[in-house]
Amino acid sequence: MKKYLALIGVFLVFAFCLTMFSGCADKSAVVRDDAAAEDEAARRAREQAEREAAMRARDAALLTPQNIYYDYDQSNIRPDARETLKNNAAIFTHKSGKIIIEGYCDERGTDEYNMALGQRRAQEAKQYLINLGISASRMQAISYGEENPLDPRSTEEAWAKNRRAEFHLK
């Protein structure tokens, strides 16, 4: 009988050890799966946050009037600026308030000439918006000439940035 009890005891210890070791192996695998799942969940959450931030930035850009740019010594609306003005008109249609159109020039030319050219640029943009259905009473055209450059350098690239009309809602 002692022999059977000893044998049963050894068997129970052996079964207990097998259970412990097999249980530990499963737990480490589960831990790895949990860690991988947490990494995957964190990656998905990060990607979702990045997508939402990109959408907010895009929506903000769609809701913010964009500048248009002019060729040297010109006040006519360029073909690429027409699409921007259409987008701006859509924004102005859905938002109320006064629209300030500011005309700017590059540093070349006299102060008087640049003030007049900036005014013509602002007026052309205003007229284009009127043709798109925006009320003239909501808009005011102002010239700043060569004041307030976006890029203060004296290069062709800088001058191209400075020949612009800006739009502001008040």
N, C-alpha and C. Protein backbone atom coordinates (compact mmCIF):
# COMPACT_ATOMS: atom_id res chain seq x y z
N MET A 1 0.81 -1.18 0.00
CA MET A 1 0.00 0.00 0.00
C MET A 1 0.86 1.25 0.00
N LYS A 2 1.94 1.18 0.78
CA LYS A 2 2.85 2.32 0.78
C LYS A 2 3.44 2.52 -0.60
N LYS A 3 3.64 1.40 -1.26
CA LYS A 3 4.21 1.47 -2.58
C LYS A 3 3.25 2.19 -3.52
N TYR A 4 1.95 1.89 -3.43
CA TYR A 4 0.96 2.55 -4.27
C TYR A 4 0.81 4.02 -3.93
N LEU A 5 0.86 4.34 -2.64
CA LEU A 5 0.76 5.74 -2.22
C LEU A 5 1.97 6.53 -2.72
N ALA A 6 3.14 5.94 -2.64
CA ALA A 6 4.34 6.62 -3.13
C ALA A 6 4.25 6.81 -4.64
N LEU A 7 3.76 5.77 -5.33
CA LEU A 7 3.61 5.86 -6.77
C LEU A 7 2.56 6.91 -7.14
N ILE A 8 1.46 6.97 -6.44
CA ILE A 8 0.43 7.98 -6.69
C ILE A 8 0.98 9.37 -6.38
N GLY A 9 1.76 9.50 -5.32
CA GLY A 9 2.37 10.79 -4.97
C GLY A 9 3.33 11.27 -6.05
N VAL A 10 4.17 10.33 -6.54
CA VAL A 10 5.11 10.68 -7.62
C VAL A 10 4.31 11.07 -8.86
N PHE A 11 3.25 10.30 -9.16
CA PHE A 11 2.42 10.61 -10.32
C PHE A 11 1.77 11.99 -10.18
N LEU A 12 1.26 12.32 -8.99
CA LEU A 12 0.65 13.63 -8.76
C LEU A 12 1.67 14.76 -8.90
N VAL A 13 2.87 14.55 -8.35
CA VAL A 13 3.93 15.56 -8.48
C VAL A 13 4.30 15.74 -9.94
N PHE A 14 4.40 14.62 -10.67
CA PHE A 14 4.73 14.68 -12.09
C PHE A 14 3.63 15.41 -12.86
N ALA A 15 2.37 15.09 -12.57
CA ALA A 15 1.24 15.74 -13.24
C ALA A 15 1.22 17.24 -12.90
N PHE A 16 1.47 17.55 -11.63
CA PHE A 16 1.52 18.95 -11.21
C PHE A 16 2.62 19.71 -11.95
N CYS A 17 3.80 19.10 -12.07
CA CYS A 17 4.92 19.74 -12.79
C CYS A 17 4.59 19.94 -14.25
N LEU A 18 3.99 18.94 -14.86
CA LEU A 18 3.60 19.08 -16.27
C LEU A 18 2.59 20.22 -16.44
N THR A 19 1.65 20.30 -15.53
CA THR A 19 0.65 21.37 -15.59
C THR A 19 1.32 22.73 -15.43
N MET A 20 2.24 22.83 -14.51
CA MET A 20 2.93 24.10 -14.29
C MET A 20 3.73 24.52 -15.52
N PHE A 21 4.51 23.60 -16.05
CA PHE A 21 5.36 23.94 -17.19
C PHE A 21 4.53 24.21 -18.44
N SER A 22 3.51 23.43 -18.66
CA SER A 22 2.69 23.68 -19.84
C SER A 22 1.89 24.96 -19.66
N GLY A 23 1.49 25.27 -18.46
CA GLY A 23 0.78 26.53 -18.18
C GLY A 23 1.68 27.73 -18.39
N CYS A 24 2.93 27.64 -18.00
CA CYS A 24 3.88 28.74 -18.18
C CYS A 24 4.16 28.99 -19.65
N ALA A 25 4.26 27.92 -20.41
CA ALA A 25 4.53 28.09 -21.84
C ALA A 25 3.36 28.81 -22.50
N ASP A 26 2.15 28.46 -22.17
CA ASP A 26 0.99 29.12 -22.74
C ASP A 26 0.93 30.58 -22.33
N LYS A 27 1.24 30.85 -21.10
CA LYS A 27 1.17 32.22 -20.63
C LYS A 27 2.17 33.12 -21.36
N SER A 28 3.38 32.62 -21.57
CA SER A 28 4.36 33.46 -22.27
C SER A 28 3.90 33.70 -23.71
N ALA A 29 3.28 32.71 -24.32
CA ALA A 29 2.78 32.90 -25.68
C ALA A 29 1.64 33.91 -25.67
N VAL A 30 0.77 33.83 -24.67
CA VAL A 30 -0.34 34.78 -24.57
C VAL A 30 0.20 36.18 -24.33
N VAL A 31 1.23 36.28 -23.50
CA VAL A 31 1.82 37.59 -23.24
C VAL A 31 2.35 38.18 -24.53
N ARG A 32 3.02 37.35 -25.33
CA ARG A 32 3.52 37.85 -26.61
C ARG A 32 2.38 38.26 -27.51
N ASP A 33 1.31 37.46 -27.54
CA ASP A 33 0.15 37.81 -28.36
C ASP A 33 -0.49 39.10 -27.86
N ASP A 34 -0.60 39.25 -26.52
CA ASP A 34 -1.15 40.47 -25.96
C ASP A 34 -0.29 41.67 -26.31
N ALA A 35 1.03 41.50 -26.22
CA ALA A 35 1.93 42.60 -26.56
C ALA A 35 1.81 42.95 -28.04
N ALA A 36 1.73 41.94 -28.89
CA ALA A 36 1.56 42.20 -30.31
C ALA A 36 0.22 42.87 -30.58
N ALA A 37 -0.82 42.41 -29.88
CA ALA A 37 -2.14 43.02 -30.06
C ALA A 37 -2.13 44.47 -29.58
N GLU A 38 -1.45 44.71 -28.44
CA GLU A 38 -1.35 46.09 -27.95
C GLU A 38 -0.57 46.96 -28.92
N ASP A 39 0.54 46.42 -29.48
CA ASP A 39 1.31 47.16 -30.48
C ASP A 39 0.46 47.46 -31.71
N GLU A 40 -0.30 46.47 -32.14
CA GLU A 40 -1.18 46.64 -33.31
C GLU A 40 -2.26 47.68 -33.00
N ALA A 41 -2.84 47.62 -31.82
CA ALA A 41 -3.87 48.59 -31.43
C ALA A 41 -3.28 49.99 -31.35
N ALA A 42 -2.08 50.10 -30.80
CA ALA A 42 -1.43 51.41 -30.71
C ALA A 42 -1.10 51.94 -32.09
N ARG A 43 -0.64 51.07 -32.99
CA ARG A 43 -0.34 51.48 -34.36
C ARG A 43 -1.60 51.94 -35.07
N ARG A 44 -2.69 51.21 -34.91
CA ARG A 44 -3.96 51.61 -35.54
C ARG A 44 -4.45 52.94 -34.98
N ALA A 45 -4.35 53.11 -33.66
CA ALA A 45 -4.78 54.37 -33.05
C ALA A 45 -3.93 55.53 -33.55
N ARG A 46 -2.62 55.32 -33.68
CA ARG A 46 -1.72 56.36 -34.18
C ARG A 46 -2.06 56.70 -35.64
N GLU A 47 -2.30 55.68 -36.47
CA GLU A 47 -2.66 55.91 -37.86
C GLU A 47 -3.98 56.66 -37.97
N GLN A 48 -4.95 56.30 -37.13
CA GLN A 48 -6.25 56.97 -37.14
C GLN A 48 -6.08 58.44 -36.73
N ALA A 49 -5.26 58.69 -35.71
CA ALA A 49 -5.02 60.07 -35.28
C ALA A 49 -4.34 60.87 -36.39
N GLU A 50 -3.40 60.24 -37.10
CA GLU A 50 -2.73 60.92 -38.21
C GLU A 50 -3.71 61.23 -39.34
N ARG A 51 -4.61 60.28 -39.66
CA ARG A 51 -5.62 60.52 -40.69
C ARG A 51 -6.55 61.66 -40.29
N GLU A 52 -6.97 61.67 -39.03
CA GLU A 52 -7.86 62.73 -38.56
C GLU A 52 -7.17 64.09 -38.60
N ALA A 53 -5.89 64.13 -38.22
CA ALA A 53 -5.14 65.39 -38.27
C ALA A 53 -5.01 65.87 -39.70
N ALA A 54 -4.75 64.95 -40.62
CA ALA A 54 -4.65 65.34 -42.03
C ALA A 54 -5.98 65.85 -42.55
N MET A 55 -7.07 65.23 -42.14
CA MET A 55 -8.40 65.68 -42.58
C MET A 55 -8.71 67.06 -42.00
N ARG A 56 -8.35 67.28 -40.72
CA ARG A 56 -8.59 68.60 -40.12
C ARG A 56 -7.78 69.67 -40.84
N ALA A 57 -6.52 69.35 -41.18
CA ALA A 57 -5.69 70.30 -41.90
C ALA A 57 -6.27 70.59 -43.28
N ARG A 58 -6.73 69.55 -43.96
CA ARG A 58 -7.36 69.74 -45.28
C ARG A 58 -8.62 70.58 -45.17
N ASP A 59 -9.46 70.26 -44.17
CA ASP A 59 -10.69 71.03 -43.98
C ASP A 59 -10.40 72.48 -43.63
N ALA A 60 -9.37 72.71 -42.81
CA ALA A 60 -8.99 74.08 -42.47
C ALA A 60 -8.53 74.82 -43.71
N ALA A 61 -7.78 74.14 -44.56
CA ALA A 61 -7.32 74.77 -45.81
C ALA A 61 -8.51 75.08 -46.70
N LEU A 62 -9.51 74.19 -46.70
CA LEU A 62 -10.69 74.42 -47.52
C LEU A 62 -11.54 75.56 -46.97
N LEU A 63 -11.45 75.82 -45.68
CA LEU A 63 -12.24 76.87 -45.07
C LEU A 63 -11.49 78.18 -44.93
N THR A 64 -10.23 78.21 -45.33
CA THR A 64 -9.41 79.41 -45.26
C THR A 64 -9.17 79.93 -46.66
N PRO A 65 -9.53 81.18 -46.92
CA PRO A 65 -9.28 81.72 -48.27
C PRO A 65 -7.79 81.70 -48.58
N GLN A 66 -7.46 81.34 -49.81
CA GLN A 66 -6.08 81.23 -50.25
C GLN A 66 -5.67 82.47 -51.04
N ASN A 67 -4.38 82.78 -51.02
CA ASN A 67 -3.83 83.88 -51.80
C ASN A 67 -3.83 83.51 -53.28
N ILE A 68 -3.87 84.55 -54.13
CA ILE A 68 -3.62 84.34 -55.55
C ILE A 68 -2.38 85.14 -55.91
N TYR A 69 -1.74 84.75 -57.00
CA TYR A 69 -0.48 85.36 -57.39
C TYR A 69 -0.57 85.92 -58.81
N TYR A 70 0.27 86.91 -59.07
CA TYR A 70 0.25 87.63 -60.34
C TYR A 70 1.61 87.55 -61.01
N ASP A 71 1.58 87.73 -62.34
CA ASP A 71 2.82 87.83 -63.10
C ASP A 71 3.41 89.22 -62.90
N TYR A 72 4.67 89.37 -63.25
CA TYR A 72 5.38 90.64 -63.10
C TYR A 72 4.66 91.75 -63.88
N ASP A 73 4.39 92.85 -63.18
CA ASP A 73 3.82 94.06 -63.77
C ASP A 73 2.45 93.81 -64.39
N GLN A 74 1.70 92.84 -63.85
CA GLN A 74 0.38 92.50 -64.38
C GLN A 74 -0.65 92.54 -63.26
N SER A 75 -1.90 92.84 -63.64
CA SER A 75 -2.99 92.79 -62.68
C SER A 75 -4.09 91.85 -63.12
N ASN A 76 -3.93 91.22 -64.29
CA ASN A 76 -4.97 90.30 -64.75
C ASN A 76 -4.87 88.97 -63.98
N ILE A 77 -6.01 88.31 -63.87
CA ILE A 77 -6.09 87.06 -63.11
C ILE A 77 -5.52 85.92 -63.96
N ARG A 78 -4.54 85.24 -63.42
CA ARG A 78 -3.92 84.11 -64.12
C ARG A 78 -4.86 82.91 -64.12
N PRO A 79 -4.71 82.00 -65.09
CA PRO A 79 -5.58 80.81 -65.12
C PRO A 79 -5.51 79.97 -63.84
N ASP A 80 -4.32 79.83 -63.24
CA ASP A 80 -4.22 79.04 -62.02
C ASP A 80 -4.92 79.72 -60.84
N ALA A 81 -5.04 81.03 -60.89
CA ALA A 81 -5.69 81.77 -59.79
C ALA A 81 -7.21 81.68 -59.88
N ARG A 82 -7.73 81.36 -61.05
CA ARG A 82 -9.20 81.29 -61.21
C ARG A 82 -9.81 80.20 -60.33
N GLU A 83 -9.15 79.06 -60.28
CA GLU A 83 -9.65 77.96 -59.43
C GLU A 83 -9.58 78.35 -57.96
N THR A 84 -8.52 79.02 -57.57
CA THR A 84 -8.39 79.48 -56.19
C THR A 84 -9.51 80.47 -55.86
N LEU A 85 -9.79 81.38 -56.78
CA LEU A 85 -10.87 82.35 -56.56
C LEU A 85 -12.23 81.66 -56.47
N LYS A 86 -12.45 80.61 -57.25
CA LYS A 86 -13.70 79.86 -57.15
C LYS A 86 -13.83 79.21 -55.78
N ASN A 87 -12.74 78.63 -55.29
CA ASN A 87 -12.75 78.03 -53.95
C ASN A 87 -12.99 79.10 -52.89
N ASN A 88 -12.34 80.26 -53.04
CA ASN A 88 -12.55 81.36 -52.10
C ASN A 88 -14.00 81.82 -52.12
N ALA A 89 -14.59 81.91 -53.31
CA ALA A 89 -15.99 82.33 -53.43
C ALA A 89 -16.90 81.35 -52.71
N ALA A 90 -16.62 80.05 -52.80
CA ALA A 90 -17.42 79.05 -52.08
C ALA A 90 -17.31 79.27 -50.58
N ILE A 91 -16.15 79.61 -50.10
CA ILE A 91 -15.95 79.88 -48.68
C ILE A 91 -16.75 81.12 -48.28
N PHE A 92 -16.64 82.18 -49.09
CA PHE A 92 -17.33 83.44 -48.77
C PHE A 92 -18.84 83.28 -48.83
N THR A 93 -19.33 82.37 -49.66
CA THR A 93 -20.77 82.13 -49.76
C THR A 93 -21.31 81.53 -48.47
N HIS A 94 -20.50 80.68 -47.83
CA HIS A 94 -20.94 79.98 -46.62
C HIS A 94 -20.58 80.70 -45.33
N LYS A 95 -19.82 81.77 -45.43
CA LYS A 95 -19.44 82.53 -44.24
C LYS A 95 -19.89 83.97 -44.42
N SER A 96 -20.31 84.57 -43.33
CA SER A 96 -20.73 85.96 -43.40
C SER A 96 -19.59 86.87 -42.95
N GLY A 97 -19.76 88.13 -43.18
CA GLY A 97 -18.77 89.11 -42.76
C GLY A 97 -18.18 89.85 -43.95
N LYS A 98 -17.39 90.86 -43.63
CA LYS A 98 -16.74 91.68 -44.64
C LYS A 98 -15.51 90.97 -45.18
N ILE A 99 -15.28 91.11 -46.48
CA ILE A 99 -14.13 90.49 -47.13
C ILE A 99 -13.15 91.60 -47.49
N ILE A 100 -11.95 91.49 -46.97
CA ILE A 100 -10.89 92.46 -47.27
C ILE A 100 -9.96 91.81 -48.29
N ILE A 101 -9.78 92.49 -49.42
CA ILE A 101 -8.87 91.99 -50.46
C ILE A 101 -7.68 92.94 -50.49
N GLU A 102 -6.50 92.40 -50.19
CA GLU A 102 -5.29 93.20 -50.12
C GLU A 102 -4.41 92.90 -51.33
N GLY A 103 -4.03 93.96 -52.06
CA GLY A 103 -3.16 93.81 -53.21
C GLY A 103 -1.72 94.15 -52.85
N TYR A 104 -0.79 93.32 -53.30
CA TYR A 104 0.63 93.51 -53.00
C TYR A 104 1.47 93.42 -54.27
N CYS A 105 2.68 93.98 -54.21
CA CYS A 105 3.63 93.96 -55.33
C CYS A 105 4.99 93.53 -54.80
N ASP A 106 5.91 93.27 -55.73
CA ASP A 106 7.28 93.05 -55.31
C ASP A 106 7.96 94.40 -55.16
N GLU A 107 9.22 94.42 -54.79
CA GLU A 107 9.92 95.66 -54.45
C GLU A 107 10.34 96.50 -55.65
N ARG A 108 10.24 95.94 -56.84
CA ARG A 108 10.65 96.67 -58.03
C ARG A 108 9.60 97.70 -58.39
N GLY A 109 10.01 98.83 -58.88
CA GLY A 109 9.08 99.92 -59.23
C GLY A 109 9.03 100.96 -58.13
N THR A 110 8.49 102.11 -58.47
CA THR A 110 8.39 103.19 -57.47
C THR A 110 7.27 102.88 -56.48
N ASP A 111 7.30 103.56 -55.36
CA ASP A 111 6.25 103.37 -54.36
C ASP A 111 4.88 103.69 -54.93
N GLU A 112 4.79 104.80 -55.67
CA GLU A 112 3.50 105.23 -56.23
C GLU A 112 2.99 104.21 -57.25
N TYR A 113 3.89 103.75 -58.12
CA TYR A 113 3.49 102.77 -59.13
C TYR A 113 3.01 101.48 -58.46
N ASN A 114 3.74 101.00 -57.44
CA ASN A 114 3.38 99.76 -56.77
C ASN A 114 2.07 99.88 -56.01
N MET A 115 1.80 101.04 -55.43
CA MET A 115 0.51 101.25 -54.75
C MET A 115 -0.64 101.15 -55.77
N ALA A 116 -0.45 101.77 -56.93
CA ALA A 116 -1.49 101.73 -57.97
C ALA A 116 -1.65 100.30 -58.50
N LEU A 117 -0.55 99.60 -58.74
CA LEU A 117 -0.61 98.23 -59.24
C LEU A 117 -1.26 97.31 -58.21
N GLY A 118 -0.93 97.47 -56.93
CA GLY A 118 -1.56 96.68 -55.88
C GLY A 118 -3.07 96.91 -55.84
N GLN A 119 -3.48 98.17 -56.05
CA GLN A 119 -4.91 98.49 -56.07
C GLN A 119 -5.60 97.82 -57.27
N ARG A 120 -4.95 97.86 -58.44
CA ARG A 120 -5.53 97.21 -59.62
C ARG A 120 -5.66 95.70 -59.38
N ARG A 121 -4.67 95.11 -58.75
CA ARG A 121 -4.73 93.68 -58.47
C ARG A 121 -5.88 93.34 -57.53
N ALA A 122 -6.03 94.11 -56.48
CA ALA A 122 -7.12 93.89 -55.53
C ALA A 122 -8.47 94.09 -56.22
N GLN A 123 -8.58 95.10 -57.07
CA GLN A 123 -9.82 95.38 -57.79
C GLN A 123 -10.16 94.25 -58.76
N GLU A 124 -9.16 93.72 -59.45
CA GLU A 124 -9.40 92.61 -60.39
C GLU A 124 -9.92 91.39 -59.63
N ALA A 125 -9.32 91.10 -58.50
CA ALA A 125 -9.78 89.96 -57.70
C ALA A 125 -11.20 90.20 -57.20
N LYS A 126 -11.49 91.42 -56.78
CA LYS A 126 -12.83 91.77 -56.33
C LYS A 126 -13.84 91.59 -57.46
N GLN A 127 -13.52 92.08 -58.63
CA GLN A 127 -14.43 91.97 -59.77
C GLN A 127 -14.66 90.50 -60.14
N TYR A 128 -13.64 89.70 -60.07
CA TYR A 128 -13.79 88.27 -60.37
C TYR A 128 -14.75 87.62 -59.37
N LEU A 129 -14.62 87.99 -58.09
CA LEU A 129 -15.52 87.44 -57.08
C LEU A 129 -16.95 87.95 -57.28
N ILE A 130 -17.11 89.19 -57.71
CA ILE A 130 -18.44 89.72 -58.01
C ILE A 130 -19.06 88.89 -59.14
N ASN A 131 -18.27 88.59 -60.17
CA ASN A 131 -18.75 87.77 -61.28
C ASN A 131 -19.14 86.36 -60.83
N LEU A 132 -18.55 85.90 -59.73
CA LEU A 132 -18.89 84.58 -59.18
C LEU A 132 -20.07 84.64 -58.21
N GLY A 133 -20.63 85.83 -58.01
CA GLY A 133 -21.83 85.95 -57.20
C GLY A 133 -21.64 86.49 -55.80
N ILE A 134 -20.47 86.94 -55.46
CA ILE A 134 -20.25 87.54 -54.14
C ILE A 134 -20.65 89.00 -54.21
N SER A 135 -21.37 89.47 -53.21
CA SER A 135 -21.87 90.85 -53.19
C SER A 135 -20.72 91.84 -53.06
N ALA A 136 -20.76 92.86 -53.92
CA ALA A 136 -19.73 93.90 -53.90
C ALA A 136 -19.74 94.67 -52.58
N SER A 137 -20.89 94.78 -51.95
CA SER A 137 -20.99 95.52 -50.70
C SER A 137 -20.25 94.84 -49.55
N ARG A 138 -19.97 93.55 -49.69
CA ARG A 138 -19.23 92.82 -48.66
C ARG A 138 -17.73 92.98 -48.80
N MET A 139 -17.26 93.47 -49.94
CA MET A 139 -15.82 93.46 -50.23
C MET A 139 -15.22 94.86 -50.22
N GLN A 140 -13.97 94.91 -49.80
CA GLN A 140 -13.18 96.14 -49.82
C GLN A 140 -11.80 95.80 -50.37
N ALA A 141 -11.37 96.56 -51.38
CA ALA A 141 -10.05 96.34 -51.99
C ALA A 141 -9.08 97.38 -51.45
N ILE A 142 -7.93 96.89 -50.97
CA ILE A 142 -6.90 97.76 -50.39
C ILE A 142 -5.57 97.43 -51.04
N SER A 143 -4.74 98.45 -51.27
CA SER A 143 -3.40 98.22 -51.79
C SER A 143 -2.37 98.49 -50.70
N TYR A 144 -1.42 97.58 -50.60
CA TYR A 144 -0.28 97.78 -49.71
C TYR A 144 1.02 97.92 -50.51
N GLY A 145 0.91 97.91 -51.83
CA GLY A 145 2.09 98.08 -52.67
C GLY A 145 3.15 97.05 -52.32
N GLU A 146 4.36 97.54 -52.08
CA GLU A 146 5.46 96.63 -51.77
C GLU A 146 5.65 96.42 -50.27
N GLU A 147 4.77 97.00 -49.46
CA GLU A 147 4.85 96.82 -48.01
C GLU A 147 4.46 95.37 -47.65
N ASN A 148 4.93 94.90 -46.53
CA ASN A 148 4.60 93.57 -45.98
C ASN A 148 4.91 92.42 -46.94
N PRO A 149 6.13 92.30 -47.41
CA PRO A 149 6.44 91.17 -48.30
C PRO A 149 6.38 89.84 -47.56
N LEU A 150 5.93 88.80 -48.25
CA LEU A 150 5.97 87.46 -47.67
C LEU A 150 7.40 86.96 -47.57
N ASP A 151 8.21 87.35 -48.55
CA ASP A 151 9.61 86.93 -48.60
C ASP A 151 10.46 88.18 -48.85
N PRO A 152 11.28 88.59 -47.89
CA PRO A 152 12.03 89.85 -48.02
C PRO A 152 13.25 89.79 -48.93
N ARG A 153 13.59 88.60 -49.43
CA ARG A 153 14.78 88.49 -50.29
C ARG A 153 14.55 89.20 -51.62
N SER A 154 15.63 89.48 -52.31
CA SER A 154 15.57 90.11 -53.63
C SER A 154 15.92 89.09 -54.69
N THR A 155 15.07 88.08 -54.82
CA THR A 155 15.26 87.05 -55.83
C THR A 155 13.96 86.91 -56.61
N GLU A 156 14.04 86.27 -57.77
CA GLU A 156 12.82 86.08 -58.57
C GLU A 156 11.80 85.24 -57.82
N GLU A 157 12.27 84.23 -57.09
CA GLU A 157 11.37 83.39 -56.30
C GLU A 157 10.63 84.22 -55.23
N ALA A 158 11.37 85.09 -54.55
CA ALA A 158 10.76 85.94 -53.52
C ALA A 158 9.79 86.93 -54.15
N TRP A 159 10.19 87.53 -55.26
CA TRP A 159 9.31 88.51 -55.92
C TRP A 159 8.00 87.85 -56.36
N ALA A 160 8.08 86.60 -56.84
CA ALA A 160 6.87 85.88 -57.27
C ALA A 160 5.91 85.67 -56.09
N LYS A 161 6.45 85.39 -54.91
CA LYS A 161 5.61 85.22 -53.72
C LYS A 161 4.97 86.53 -53.30
N ASN A 162 5.66 87.62 -53.52
CA ASN A 162 5.19 88.93 -53.05
C ASN A 162 4.16 89.56 -53.99
N ARG A 163 4.07 89.13 -55.23
CA ARG A 163 3.06 89.64 -56.17
C ARG A 163 1.78 88.85 -55.95
N ARG A 164 0.91 89.35 -55.07
CA ARG A 164 -0.23 88.54 -54.62
C ARG A 164 -1.42 89.40 -54.24
N ALA A 165 -2.54 88.72 -54.05
CA ALA A 165 -3.72 89.29 -53.39
C ALA A 165 -4.06 88.36 -52.25
N GLU A 166 -4.28 88.94 -51.08
CA GLU A 166 -4.68 88.17 -49.90
C GLU A 166 -6.13 88.46 -49.58
N PHE A 167 -6.80 87.48 -48.99
CA PHE A 167 -8.22 87.59 -48.68
C PHE A 167 -8.41 87.34 -47.18
N HIS A 168 -9.14 88.23 -46.54
CA HIS A 168 -9.39 88.11 -45.11
C HIS A 168 -10.87 88.34 -44.82
N LEU A 169 -11.42 87.53 -43.95
CA LEU A 169 -12.82 87.70 -43.50
C LEU A 169 -12.80 88.44 -42.17
N LYS A 170 -13.57 89.48 -42.09
CA LYS A 170 -13.67 90.26 -40.83
C LYS A 170 -15.06 90.14 -40.27
